[in-house]
Amino acid sequence: MKSLYKILIAFVLVFASTVSFAQLTDPGDTGGDPTGGDHDPIGGSAPIGNGLALMIGLGVAYGSKKIYFLKAEQ
């Protein structure tokens, strides 16, 4: 039962931190097309989509491995 509470607390902390960053402030009028000329797109130009999925997948695999070995010891 204690492990269930630990997992629940971990999920709450992760989702609480993502919700707090979900609503950004309005940058206002940038004065035209932000992708044209020498300007970077709003939010930067870093492709975080694939890296984020990779990090989530690795975290799930690592957590699964830890849980599997914890259960195997008992």
N, C-alpha and C. Protein backbone atom coordinates (compact mmCIF):
# COMPACT_ATOMS: atom_id res chain seq x y z
N MET A 1 0.81 -1.18 0.00
CA MET A 1 0.00 0.00 0.00
C MET A 1 0.87 1.26 0.00
N LYS A 2 2.04 1.18 0.65
CA LYS A 2 2.92 2.35 0.68
C LYS A 2 3.43 2.67 -0.73
N SER A 3 3.70 1.63 -1.53
CA SER A 3 4.20 1.88 -2.88
C SER A 3 3.13 2.56 -3.73
N LEU A 4 1.86 2.24 -3.48
CA LEU A 4 0.79 2.90 -4.21
C LEU A 4 0.76 4.39 -3.88
N TYR A 5 0.96 4.74 -2.63
CA TYR A 5 1.01 6.14 -2.25
C TYR A 5 2.21 6.85 -2.87
N LYS A 6 3.35 6.18 -2.95
CA LYS A 6 4.52 6.79 -3.56
C LYS A 6 4.29 7.06 -5.04
N ILE A 7 3.68 6.10 -5.72
CA ILE A 7 3.40 6.27 -7.15
C ILE A 7 2.38 7.39 -7.34
N LEU A 8 1.36 7.42 -6.52
CA LEU A 8 0.34 8.47 -6.61
C LEU A 8 0.95 9.85 -6.37
N ILE A 9 1.79 9.97 -5.39
CA ILE A 9 2.46 11.25 -5.11
C ILE A 9 3.35 11.66 -6.28
N ALA A 10 4.06 10.71 -6.87
CA ALA A 10 4.92 11.02 -8.02
C ALA A 10 4.09 11.54 -9.19
N PHE A 11 2.96 10.90 -9.48
CA PHE A 11 2.10 11.37 -10.57
C PHE A 11 1.55 12.76 -10.28
N VAL A 12 1.15 13.01 -9.07
CA VAL A 12 0.61 14.32 -8.71
C VAL A 12 1.68 15.40 -8.89
N LEU A 13 2.88 15.13 -8.46
CA LEU A 13 3.96 16.12 -8.60
C LEU A 13 4.29 16.39 -10.05
N VAL A 14 4.34 15.34 -10.86
CA VAL A 14 4.66 15.51 -12.28
C VAL A 14 3.57 16.31 -12.99
N PHE A 15 2.31 15.94 -12.77
CA PHE A 15 1.23 16.63 -13.46
C PHE A 15 1.01 18.03 -12.92
N ALA A 16 1.26 18.27 -11.66
CA ALA A 16 1.12 19.61 -11.12
C ALA A 16 2.17 20.54 -11.72
N SER A 17 3.37 20.05 -11.94
CA SER A 17 4.40 20.90 -12.53
C SER A 17 4.11 21.19 -14.00
N THR A 18 3.56 20.23 -14.73
CA THR A 18 3.25 20.48 -16.14
C THR A 18 2.07 21.43 -16.29
N VAL A 19 1.11 21.37 -15.41
CA VAL A 19 -0.04 22.27 -15.49
C VAL A 19 0.39 23.69 -15.19
N SER A 20 1.33 23.87 -14.29
CA SER A 20 1.75 25.22 -13.94
C SER A 20 2.48 25.92 -15.08
N PHE A 21 3.09 25.17 -15.99
CA PHE A 21 3.78 25.76 -17.13
C PHE A 21 2.93 25.75 -18.40
N ALA A 22 1.73 25.23 -18.34
CA ALA A 22 0.92 25.09 -19.54
C ALA A 22 0.38 26.43 -20.03
N GLN A 23 0.09 27.36 -19.16
CA GLN A 23 -0.51 28.63 -19.57
C GLN A 23 0.54 29.74 -19.51
N LEU A 24 1.09 30.07 -20.65
CA LEU A 24 2.07 31.14 -20.73
C LEU A 24 1.37 32.47 -20.99
N THR A 25 2.06 33.55 -20.70
CA THR A 25 1.49 34.87 -20.94
C THR A 25 1.53 35.18 -22.43
N ASP A 26 0.66 36.08 -22.85
CA ASP A 26 0.60 36.49 -24.24
C ASP A 26 1.81 37.36 -24.57
N PRO A 27 2.58 37.03 -25.62
CA PRO A 27 3.76 37.83 -25.94
C PRO A 27 3.42 39.19 -26.54
N GLY A 28 2.15 39.43 -26.88
CA GLY A 28 1.77 40.71 -27.46
C GLY A 28 2.00 40.70 -28.97
N ASP A 29 1.83 41.84 -29.58
CA ASP A 29 2.01 41.96 -31.02
C ASP A 29 3.50 42.01 -31.34
N THR A 30 3.94 41.08 -32.15
CA THR A 30 5.36 41.03 -32.50
C THR A 30 5.69 41.89 -33.71
N GLY A 31 4.68 42.49 -34.30
CA GLY A 31 4.93 43.40 -35.41
C GLY A 31 5.07 42.70 -36.74
N GLY A 32 4.35 41.67 -36.97
CA GLY A 32 4.40 41.00 -38.26
C GLY A 32 4.55 39.50 -38.12
N ASP A 33 4.98 38.88 -39.20
CA ASP A 33 5.15 37.43 -39.22
C ASP A 33 6.39 37.05 -38.43
N PRO A 34 6.25 36.29 -37.34
CA PRO A 34 7.41 35.96 -36.52
C PRO A 34 8.35 34.95 -37.17
N THR A 35 7.89 34.28 -38.23
CA THR A 35 8.77 33.30 -38.87
C THR A 35 9.53 33.89 -40.05
N GLY A 36 9.23 35.09 -40.45
CA GLY A 36 9.91 35.69 -41.59
C GLY A 36 11.11 36.51 -41.18
N GLY A 37 12.04 36.66 -42.10
CA GLY A 37 13.21 37.48 -41.84
C GLY A 37 14.19 36.85 -40.88
N ASP A 38 14.75 37.67 -40.00
CA ASP A 38 15.76 37.20 -39.05
C ASP A 38 15.15 36.77 -37.72
N HIS A 39 13.84 36.67 -37.63
CA HIS A 39 13.18 36.34 -36.38
C HIS A 39 12.98 34.84 -36.25
N ASP A 40 13.15 34.33 -35.03
CA ASP A 40 12.82 32.94 -34.74
C ASP A 40 11.32 32.83 -34.49
N PRO A 41 10.75 31.66 -34.69
CA PRO A 41 9.33 31.50 -34.36
C PRO A 41 9.08 31.71 -32.87
N ILE A 42 7.85 32.04 -32.52
CA ILE A 42 7.50 32.23 -31.13
C ILE A 42 7.69 30.90 -30.41
N GLY A 43 8.40 30.92 -29.32
CA GLY A 43 8.69 29.70 -28.58
C GLY A 43 10.04 29.10 -28.93
N GLY A 44 10.76 29.74 -29.83
CA GLY A 44 12.07 29.21 -30.22
C GLY A 44 11.95 28.23 -31.36
N SER A 45 13.09 27.72 -31.80
CA SER A 45 13.08 26.80 -32.94
C SER A 45 13.61 25.43 -32.55
N ALA A 46 13.60 25.09 -31.27
CA ALA A 46 14.10 23.80 -30.82
C ALA A 46 13.04 22.72 -31.04
N PRO A 47 13.41 21.63 -31.73
CA PRO A 47 12.45 20.54 -31.95
C PRO A 47 12.41 19.62 -30.73
N ILE A 48 11.50 19.87 -29.80
CA ILE A 48 11.48 19.09 -28.56
C ILE A 48 10.52 17.92 -28.61
N GLY A 49 9.74 17.78 -29.67
CA GLY A 49 8.73 16.74 -29.74
C GLY A 49 9.31 15.35 -29.65
N ASN A 50 10.28 15.01 -30.49
CA ASN A 50 10.86 13.67 -30.48
C ASN A 50 11.70 13.42 -29.24
N GLY A 51 12.42 14.41 -28.79
CA GLY A 51 13.24 14.24 -27.59
C GLY A 51 12.39 14.04 -26.35
N LEU A 52 11.27 14.71 -26.28
CA LEU A 52 10.38 14.56 -25.14
C LEU A 52 9.79 13.15 -25.10
N ALA A 53 9.37 12.64 -26.24
CA ALA A 53 8.82 11.28 -26.30
C ALA A 53 9.90 10.26 -25.94
N LEU A 54 11.11 10.50 -26.37
CA LEU A 54 12.22 9.60 -26.04
C LEU A 54 12.49 9.60 -24.54
N MET A 55 12.51 10.77 -23.93
CA MET A 55 12.77 10.85 -22.49
C MET A 55 11.64 10.21 -21.68
N ILE A 56 10.40 10.39 -22.10
CA ILE A 56 9.29 9.75 -21.40
C ILE A 56 9.38 8.24 -21.54
N GLY A 57 9.71 7.76 -22.74
CA GLY A 57 9.85 6.32 -22.95
C GLY A 57 10.97 5.72 -22.12
N LEU A 58 12.09 6.41 -22.04
CA LEU A 58 13.21 5.92 -21.23
C LEU A 58 12.85 5.94 -19.75
N GLY A 59 12.12 6.94 -19.31
CA GLY A 59 11.70 7.00 -17.91
C GLY A 59 10.75 5.86 -17.57
N VAL A 60 9.84 5.55 -18.47
CA VAL A 60 8.91 4.43 -18.25
C VAL A 60 9.68 3.11 -18.21
N ALA A 61 10.62 2.94 -19.13
CA ALA A 61 11.41 1.70 -19.15
C ALA A 61 12.24 1.56 -17.88
N TYR A 62 12.86 2.63 -17.43
CA TYR A 62 13.66 2.59 -16.21
C TYR A 62 12.79 2.27 -14.99
N GLY A 63 11.65 2.93 -14.90
CA GLY A 63 10.74 2.67 -13.78
C GLY A 63 10.22 1.24 -13.79
N SER A 64 9.92 0.73 -14.98
CA SER A 64 9.44 -0.65 -15.09
C SER A 64 10.52 -1.64 -14.66
N LYS A 65 11.75 -1.36 -15.05
CA LYS A 65 12.87 -2.23 -14.65
C LYS A 65 13.02 -2.23 -13.13
N LYS A 66 12.96 -1.05 -12.53
CA LYS A 66 13.11 -0.96 -11.08
C LYS A 66 11.98 -1.71 -10.37
N ILE A 67 10.76 -1.57 -10.84
CA ILE A 67 9.63 -2.27 -10.23
C ILE A 67 9.77 -3.78 -10.40
N TYR A 68 10.20 -4.21 -11.60
CA TYR A 68 10.36 -5.64 -11.86
C TYR A 68 11.39 -6.26 -10.91
N PHE A 69 12.54 -5.60 -10.76
CA PHE A 69 13.58 -6.14 -9.88
C PHE A 69 13.18 -6.05 -8.40
N LEU A 70 12.41 -5.07 -8.05
CA LEU A 70 11.92 -4.96 -6.67
C LEU A 70 10.98 -6.11 -6.36
N LYS A 71 10.10 -6.45 -7.29
CA LYS A 71 9.17 -7.56 -7.10
C LYS A 71 9.92 -8.90 -7.13
N ALA A 72 10.98 -9.00 -7.94
CA ALA A 72 11.75 -10.26 -8.05
C ALA A 72 12.50 -10.55 -6.75
N GLU A 73 12.93 -9.51 -6.03
CA GLU A 73 13.63 -9.70 -4.77
C GLU A 73 12.72 -10.27 -3.69
N GLN A 74 11.46 -9.92 -3.74
CA GLN A 74 10.53 -10.35 -2.70
C GLN A 74 10.03 -11.70 -2.98
